[in-house]
Amino acid sequence: MPSTKHSTRVLAREEWEPLARAHAQRADAATAGHRERAPGQEKHPVEDFLYEYYDTRPMRLRRWHPGVGIAIADAPQHAASRYYTTRDGATSVDPVPFLAARGRTVDYVDALLRATASRPARLGCFGLHEWAMVYRAGDERRHSLPLRLGQAGTDAVVAANPIACSHFDAFRFFTPQASPLNLIQPTREGQSEFEQPGCLHANMDLYKWSSKLAPAVPSDLVLDAFEFAMSIRYLDMRASPYDVSAIGLEPVRIETAEGKREYAELQASYAGRGADLRARILSSLDVLRAMAG
């Protein structure tokens, strides 16, 4: 934890308004499909996960926050928002009340992300968590899409491959028949002991953690994490047992050696990008604590 005070940078209205406008436009583009489907309650088997599981609201995602350590001049809307304070005409996130209200969350996320970052990326899971969620499930499936290999073929893939899922929030959806097959038995209480930077879901969760820490975490970081999570979600479903051809996606056939190589290469790429986002979130928390004194 830094021991030195962090100085606040002040942005004039003509500096921060274009940033806020560009952010809103980018957020609108990222959520356009969801917003277009919403009036007809049309479902999307890939993208809905980010809106339902992470409780994403497009209007909240498009709201711009500069993040802790940056003050903005002539910003009455921000000045009226929770956790903001105004001094000498410049409005900024006040770290003291933020930490008073959200300190436990800050401590938890900080410890979890640092523990995750301290470990090497493991790239041998091959996305089998989605297969384990439908192992011997019959008609009890989380998605309406058909199984690409059918139930028997899907079960055979699970039986023939070691499962090593380190992420509790994926593991908890395994079928009762699949749970004992996992080489790792993660728990909620021990989450920080199991998380590792190669896990797609741990990297997808960077969006959850950054959004929970708004407005201390800047909105451009939250949106970066959202877009990153969406790209991971597409890989998650392409490598899943579901037939995604009806929505124009090419499967990653992890039941084959070639598919496993493709998955591991993509997973390694995501691990690198996730490391950068994780470091940025932790940097924001360092600034938050430094400014709180």
Protein backbone atom coordinates (compact mmCIF):
# COMPACT_ATOMS: atom_id res chain seq x y z
CA MET A 1 0.00 0.00 0.00
CA PRO A 2 1.42 3.41 -0.97
CA SER A 3 2.36 5.69 1.90
CA THR A 4 2.66 8.92 -0.06
CA LYS A 5 -0.19 11.26 -0.86
CA HIS A 6 -1.44 11.35 -4.43
CA SER A 7 -2.06 14.71 -6.08
CA THR A 8 -5.35 15.43 -7.82
CA ARG A 9 -5.39 16.44 -11.46
CA VAL A 10 -8.06 18.99 -12.43
CA LEU A 11 -9.76 18.89 -15.83
CA ALA A 12 -11.57 21.94 -17.16
CA ARG A 13 -15.05 21.44 -18.58
CA GLU A 14 -13.75 21.71 -22.15
CA GLU A 15 -11.35 18.86 -21.34
CA TRP A 16 -13.64 16.39 -19.61
CA GLU A 17 -16.86 16.91 -21.58
CA PRO A 18 -15.46 15.40 -24.82
CA LEU A 19 -14.19 12.44 -22.79
CA ALA A 20 -17.62 11.90 -21.25
CA ARG A 21 -19.33 12.25 -24.63
CA ALA A 22 -16.95 9.81 -26.33
CA HIS A 23 -17.41 7.34 -23.49
CA ALA A 24 -21.21 7.45 -23.80
CA GLN A 25 -20.98 6.88 -27.56
CA ARG A 26 -18.64 3.94 -27.07
CA ALA A 27 -20.92 2.43 -24.41
CA ASP A 28 -23.94 2.85 -26.68
CA ALA A 29 -22.13 1.01 -29.46
CA ALA A 30 -21.15 -1.81 -27.10
CA THR A 31 -24.72 -2.29 -25.85
CA ALA A 32 -26.58 -1.57 -29.10
CA GLY A 33 -27.58 -5.18 -29.77
CA HIS A 34 -28.95 -5.69 -26.28
CA ARG A 35 -30.92 -2.46 -26.36
CA GLU A 36 -32.39 -3.30 -29.75
CA ARG A 37 -33.52 -6.72 -28.51
CA ALA A 38 -34.93 -5.45 -25.21
CA PRO A 39 -38.35 -4.13 -26.41
CA GLY A 40 -39.25 -7.52 -27.89
CA GLN A 41 -37.64 -9.42 -24.98
CA GLU A 42 -35.52 -11.21 -27.55
CA LYS A 43 -32.88 -13.46 -26.01
CA HIS A 44 -29.28 -13.87 -27.10
CA PRO A 45 -27.57 -17.10 -25.95
CA VAL A 46 -24.13 -15.48 -25.75
CA GLU A 47 -24.53 -11.84 -24.79
CA ASP A 48 -27.36 -12.09 -22.27
CA PHE A 49 -24.95 -13.62 -19.76
CA LEU A 50 -23.20 -10.29 -19.20
CA TYR A 51 -26.49 -8.46 -18.67
CA GLU A 52 -28.14 -11.04 -16.44
CA TYR A 53 -25.31 -12.61 -14.45
CA TYR A 54 -23.46 -9.31 -13.95
CA ASP A 55 -26.63 -7.20 -13.73
CA THR A 56 -25.39 -4.83 -16.44
CA ARG A 57 -27.51 -1.79 -17.18
CA PRO A 58 -26.63 0.12 -20.36
CA MET A 59 -27.47 3.51 -18.84
CA ARG A 60 -25.17 2.88 -15.90
CA LEU A 61 -22.41 1.65 -18.20
CA ARG A 62 -22.56 4.83 -20.31
CA ARG A 63 -22.30 7.15 -17.29
CA TRP A 64 -18.80 8.63 -17.25
CA HIS A 65 -16.69 8.85 -14.09
CA PRO A 66 -13.14 10.19 -14.17
CA GLY A 67 -12.00 7.92 -11.36
CA VAL A 68 -10.28 8.74 -8.10
CA GLY A 69 -7.48 11.27 -8.34
CA ILE A 70 -9.07 13.36 -11.09
CA ALA A 71 -11.28 16.39 -10.41
CA ILE A 72 -13.57 17.98 -13.00
CA ALA A 73 -14.58 21.61 -13.05
CA ASP A 74 -18.14 22.85 -13.55
CA ALA A 75 -19.77 19.43 -13.13
CA PRO A 76 -23.04 19.86 -11.22
CA GLN A 77 -24.38 16.41 -12.12
CA HIS A 78 -21.34 14.71 -10.68
CA ALA A 79 -21.34 17.03 -7.68
CA ALA A 80 -24.82 15.77 -6.78
CA SER A 81 -23.77 12.12 -7.04
CA ARG A 82 -22.83 9.85 -4.16
CA TYR A 83 -19.18 9.76 -3.11
CA TYR A 84 -18.36 13.05 -4.86
CA THR A 85 -17.25 16.24 -3.21
CA THR A 86 -16.61 19.73 -4.59
CA ARG A 87 -13.80 22.03 -3.52
CA ASP A 88 -12.88 25.30 -5.20
CA GLY A 89 -15.23 24.57 -8.09
CA ALA A 90 -13.69 21.16 -8.88
CA THR A 91 -15.60 17.94 -8.23
CA SER A 92 -13.93 14.61 -7.49
CA VAL A 93 -14.51 11.26 -5.84
CA ASP A 94 -13.99 11.60 -2.10
CA PRO A 95 -12.02 8.51 -1.02
CA VAL A 96 -12.88 8.78 2.68
CA PRO A 97 -16.66 8.17 2.47
CA PHE A 98 -16.12 5.72 -0.38
CA LEU A 99 -13.81 3.60 1.76
CA ALA A 100 -16.09 4.00 4.77
CA ALA A 101 -18.99 2.52 2.78
CA ARG A 102 -17.15 0.15 0.44
CA GLY A 103 -13.97 -0.66 2.32
CA ARG A 104 -14.75 -4.37 2.75
CA THR A 105 -15.35 -4.73 -0.97
CA VAL A 106 -12.14 -2.83 -1.73
CA ASP A 107 -10.15 -5.09 0.60
CA TYR A 108 -11.71 -8.27 -0.82
CA VAL A 109 -11.14 -7.32 -4.46
CA ASP A 110 -7.63 -6.10 -3.77
CA ALA A 111 -6.64 -9.35 -2.04
CA LEU A 112 -8.31 -11.53 -4.69
CA LEU A 113 -6.73 -9.77 -7.66
CA ARG A 114 -3.28 -9.68 -6.09
CA ALA A 115 -3.48 -13.38 -5.29
CA THR A 116 -4.60 -14.13 -8.83
CA ALA A 117 -1.81 -12.02 -10.33
CA SER A 118 0.80 -13.81 -8.21
CA ARG A 119 0.18 -17.15 -9.94
CA PRO A 120 1.19 -18.44 -13.37
CA ALA A 121 -1.56 -18.87 -15.93
CA ARG A 122 -2.79 -22.45 -16.29
CA LEU A 123 -4.01 -23.17 -19.81
CA GLY A 124 -5.07 -26.80 -19.62
CA CYS A 125 -8.78 -26.60 -18.77
CA PHE A 126 -9.91 -26.31 -22.42
CA GLY A 127 -13.26 -24.82 -21.45
CA LEU A 128 -14.58 -28.12 -20.11
CA HIS A 129 -16.50 -26.29 -17.39
CA GLU A 130 -19.37 -25.69 -19.84
CA TRP A 131 -19.37 -29.38 -20.74
CA ALA A 132 -19.45 -30.35 -17.07
CA MET A 133 -22.54 -28.18 -16.62
CA VAL A 134 -24.51 -30.45 -18.97
CA TYR A 135 -22.88 -33.79 -18.19
CA ARG A 136 -25.63 -36.41 -17.97
CA ALA A 137 -28.11 -33.54 -17.66
CA GLY A 138 -30.75 -34.74 -20.09
CA ASP A 139 -33.10 -31.86 -20.84
CA GLU A 140 -31.97 -29.80 -17.82
CA ARG A 141 -29.68 -27.34 -19.57
CA ARG A 142 -28.88 -23.66 -19.01
CA HIS A 143 -29.25 -22.74 -22.69
CA SER A 144 -31.87 -23.58 -25.28
CA LEU A 145 -29.26 -24.30 -27.96
CA PRO A 146 -28.89 -27.95 -28.97
CA LEU A 147 -25.78 -29.90 -28.04
CA ARG A 148 -23.33 -30.08 -30.94
CA LEU A 149 -22.43 -33.73 -30.27
CA GLY A 150 -25.70 -34.74 -28.64
CA GLN A 151 -26.00 -35.84 -25.01
CA ALA A 152 -24.12 -39.12 -25.42
CA GLY A 153 -21.30 -37.49 -27.36
CA THR A 154 -21.04 -34.67 -24.82
CA ASP A 155 -20.89 -37.10 -21.92
CA ALA A 156 -18.17 -39.07 -23.70
CA VAL A 157 -15.99 -35.93 -24.02
CA VAL A 158 -16.33 -35.21 -20.30
CA ALA A 159 -15.52 -38.81 -19.39
CA ALA A 160 -12.45 -38.87 -21.65
CA ASN A 161 -10.84 -35.61 -20.49
CA PRO A 162 -9.57 -34.48 -17.08
CA ILE A 163 -11.51 -31.51 -15.73
CA ALA A 164 -9.52 -28.90 -13.80
CA CYS A 165 -11.82 -25.93 -13.21
CA SER A 166 -10.40 -23.49 -10.64
CA HIS A 167 -13.29 -20.98 -10.64
CA PHE A 168 -15.96 -21.50 -8.02
CA ASP A 169 -18.68 -19.59 -9.87
CA ALA A 170 -18.30 -21.98 -12.80
CA PHE A 171 -17.80 -25.08 -10.67
CA ARG A 172 -21.00 -24.48 -8.69
CA PHE A 173 -23.04 -25.02 -11.86
CA PHE A 174 -21.56 -28.46 -12.58
CA THR A 175 -24.09 -31.25 -12.59
CA PRO A 176 -23.99 -33.49 -9.49
CA GLN A 177 -22.46 -36.22 -11.63
CA ALA A 178 -19.69 -33.92 -12.90
CA SER A 179 -18.63 -32.23 -9.65
CA PRO A 180 -16.66 -35.21 -8.28
CA LEU A 181 -14.77 -35.44 -11.59
CA ASN A 182 -13.16 -32.03 -11.12
CA LEU A 183 -9.52 -32.36 -10.09
CA ILE A 184 -9.92 -29.14 -8.07
CA GLN A 185 -12.71 -28.55 -5.56
CA PRO A 186 -12.92 -24.74 -5.29
CA THR A 187 -15.03 -23.08 -2.60
CA ARG A 188 -16.42 -19.58 -2.13
CA GLU A 189 -14.44 -19.15 1.07
CA GLY A 190 -11.22 -20.24 -0.61
CA GLN A 191 -11.72 -18.33 -3.84
CA SER A 192 -8.49 -16.34 -3.49
CA GLU A 193 -6.58 -19.61 -3.09
CA PHE A 194 -7.77 -21.02 -6.41
CA GLU A 195 -8.12 -18.10 -8.83
CA GLN A 196 -5.47 -18.00 -11.55
CA PRO A 197 -4.93 -15.62 -14.49
CA GLY A 198 -5.49 -18.19 -17.23
CA CYS A 199 -9.10 -18.78 -16.19
CA LEU A 200 -11.57 -17.25 -18.64
CA HIS A 201 -14.15 -16.66 -15.94
CA ALA A 202 -11.66 -15.02 -13.58
CA ASN A 203 -10.78 -12.65 -16.41
CA MET A 204 -14.44 -12.08 -17.25
CA ASP A 205 -15.01 -11.18 -13.60
CA LEU A 206 -12.66 -8.22 -13.97
CA TYR A 207 -15.72 -6.44 -15.34
CA LYS A 208 -17.68 -7.34 -12.19
CA TRP A 209 -14.97 -6.09 -9.87
CA SER A 210 -14.31 -2.85 -11.76
CA SER A 211 -18.01 -2.02 -11.98
CA LYS A 212 -18.50 -2.71 -8.27
CA LEU A 213 -15.73 -0.19 -7.53
CA ALA A 214 -17.20 2.66 -9.56
CA PRO A 215 -16.97 5.64 -9.31
CA ALA A 216 -13.51 5.22 -7.75
CA VAL A 217 -12.46 3.16 -10.77
CA PRO A 218 -12.62 5.24 -13.98
CA SER A 219 -15.38 4.46 -16.44
CA ASP A 220 -13.03 3.86 -19.34
CA LEU A 221 -11.54 0.97 -17.36
CA VAL A 222 -15.00 -0.43 -16.59
CA LEU A 223 -15.92 -0.27 -20.27
CA ASP A 224 -12.61 -1.85 -21.29
CA ALA A 225 -13.39 -4.70 -18.88
CA PHE A 226 -16.94 -5.03 -20.24
CA GLU A 227 -15.76 -5.32 -23.84
CA PHE A 228 -13.08 -7.77 -22.75
CA ALA A 229 -15.64 -9.87 -20.88
CA MET A 230 -17.90 -9.92 -23.93
CA SER A 231 -15.11 -11.21 -26.16
CA ILE A 232 -14.31 -13.90 -23.56
CA ARG A 233 -17.96 -14.87 -23.40
CA TYR A 234 -17.97 -15.49 -27.15
CA LEU A 235 -14.98 -17.81 -26.82
CA ASP A 236 -16.64 -19.49 -23.84
CA MET A 237 -19.66 -20.39 -25.95
CA ARG A 238 -17.67 -21.28 -29.07
CA ALA A 239 -15.74 -23.83 -27.00
CA SER A 240 -18.86 -25.07 -25.25
CA PRO A 241 -20.82 -28.23 -26.11
CA TYR A 242 -23.58 -26.12 -27.61
CA ASP A 243 -24.17 -25.83 -31.34
CA VAL A 244 -23.54 -22.13 -32.00
CA SER A 245 -23.72 -22.34 -35.78
CA ALA A 246 -27.28 -20.96 -35.77
CA ILE A 247 -25.95 -17.63 -34.47
CA GLY A 248 -23.12 -17.53 -37.01
CA LEU A 249 -20.29 -18.75 -34.81
CA GLU A 250 -17.62 -21.30 -35.62
CA PRO A 251 -17.06 -23.78 -32.78
CA VAL A 252 -13.73 -24.37 -31.13
CA ARG A 253 -13.76 -28.16 -31.15
CA ILE A 254 -11.97 -28.79 -27.87
CA GLU A 255 -12.67 -32.51 -28.17
CA THR A 256 -9.90 -32.61 -30.80
CA ALA A 257 -6.15 -31.96 -30.44
CA GLU A 258 -6.39 -29.09 -32.92
CA GLY A 259 -9.25 -27.52 -30.99
CA LYS A 260 -7.35 -27.81 -27.72
CA ARG A 261 -4.38 -26.00 -29.26
CA GLU A 262 -6.62 -23.25 -30.61
CA TYR A 263 -8.32 -22.83 -27.23
CA ALA A 264 -5.03 -22.69 -25.30
CA GLU A 265 -3.61 -20.07 -27.68
CA LEU A 266 -6.67 -17.87 -27.29
CA GLN A 267 -6.68 -18.44 -23.55
CA ALA A 268 -3.04 -17.31 -23.32
CA SER A 269 -3.89 -14.15 -25.23
CA TYR A 270 -6.74 -13.38 -22.86
CA ALA A 271 -4.50 -14.04 -19.86
CA GLY A 272 -2.13 -11.31 -21.07
CA ARG A 273 -4.93 -8.81 -21.63
CA GLY A 274 -6.48 -9.71 -18.29
CA ALA A 275 -3.18 -9.08 -16.51
CA ASP A 276 -3.17 -5.52 -17.83
CA LEU A 277 -6.75 -4.84 -16.70
CA ARG A 278 -6.08 -6.43 -13.32
CA ALA A 279 -3.05 -4.18 -12.83
CA ARG A 280 -5.09 -1.10 -13.74
CA ILE A 281 -7.78 -1.95 -11.21
CA LEU A 282 -5.16 -2.49 -8.51
CA SER A 283 -3.51 0.81 -9.43
CA SER A 284 -6.83 2.60 -8.92
CA LEU A 285 -7.13 1.01 -5.48
CA ASP A 286 -3.60 2.14 -4.64
CA VAL A 287 -4.52 5.71 -5.55
CA LEU A 288 -7.76 5.46 -3.59
CA ARG A 289 -5.96 4.47 -0.41
CA ALA A 290 -3.14 6.94 -0.91
CA MET A 291 -5.59 9.82 -1.25
CA ALA A 292 -7.55 8.70 1.81
CA GLY A 293 -4.35 9.05 3.84
